[in-house]
Protein backbone atom coordinates (compact mmCIF):
# COMPACT_ATOMS: atom_id res chain seq x y z
CA MET A 1 0.00 0.00 0.00
CA ARG A 2 1.30 3.42 -0.84
CA THR A 3 0.48 6.80 0.54
CA GLY A 4 0.41 9.81 -1.72
CA LEU A 5 0.68 10.25 -5.44
CA LEU A 6 3.43 9.12 -7.78
CA PRO A 7 5.49 11.91 -9.41
CA ASP A 8 3.65 11.63 -12.74
CA GLU A 9 0.30 11.66 -10.95
CA ARG A 10 1.28 14.81 -9.05
CA ALA A 11 2.26 16.49 -12.31
CA ALA A 12 -1.08 15.59 -13.94
CA LEU A 13 -3.28 16.52 -10.97
CA ASP A 14 -5.21 19.70 -11.64
CA THR A 15 -7.39 19.82 -8.55
CA TYR A 16 -9.26 17.61 -6.13
CA ALA A 17 -12.51 17.77 -4.22
CA TRP A 18 -14.48 15.78 -1.68
CA THR A 19 -17.78 15.12 -3.41
CA ALA A 20 -20.94 13.39 -2.23
CA TRP A 21 -21.97 10.40 -4.33
CA ARG A 22 -25.27 12.07 -5.30
CA ASP A 23 -23.29 14.97 -6.82
CA LEU A 24 -21.05 12.86 -9.06
CA GLY A 25 -23.48 12.56 -11.98
CA PRO A 26 -23.67 16.21 -13.00
CA LEU A 27 -19.94 17.06 -12.76
CA ALA A 28 -19.14 19.60 -15.47
CA ASP A 29 -15.35 19.26 -15.51
CA PRO A 30 -13.62 16.23 -17.00
CA VAL A 31 -12.80 13.68 -14.31
CA GLU A 32 -11.04 10.34 -14.10
CA PRO A 33 -12.64 7.88 -14.35
CA PRO A 34 -15.06 9.47 -16.83
CA ARG A 35 -18.15 8.05 -15.04
CA PRO A 36 -17.20 7.93 -11.35
CA ALA A 37 -20.74 7.19 -10.14
CA ALA A 38 -20.92 4.06 -12.32
CA VAL A 39 -17.54 2.86 -11.01
CA LEU A 40 -18.58 3.41 -7.39
CA ASP A 41 -21.93 1.68 -7.98
CA ALA A 42 -20.10 -1.36 -9.36
CA LEU A 43 -17.62 -1.46 -6.47
CA VAL A 44 -20.13 -0.74 -3.68
CA PRO A 45 -23.63 -1.54 -5.00
CA HIS A 46 -25.41 -0.48 -1.79
CA GLY A 47 -23.60 2.85 -1.67
CA PRO A 48 -21.68 4.28 1.24
CA TRP A 49 -24.67 3.70 3.51
CA GLY A 50 -24.85 -0.09 3.09
């Protein structure tokens, strides 16, 4: 397990934000992964509450 970003990740990082799951759908700016809500739904189907 690592802590922190790799050098190339630090160079590519534009900004970060803590975002509620319900707010991930309408994000206007490009994000990685492109559909974060779909990725989270696949990883944790019952959401952060389950």
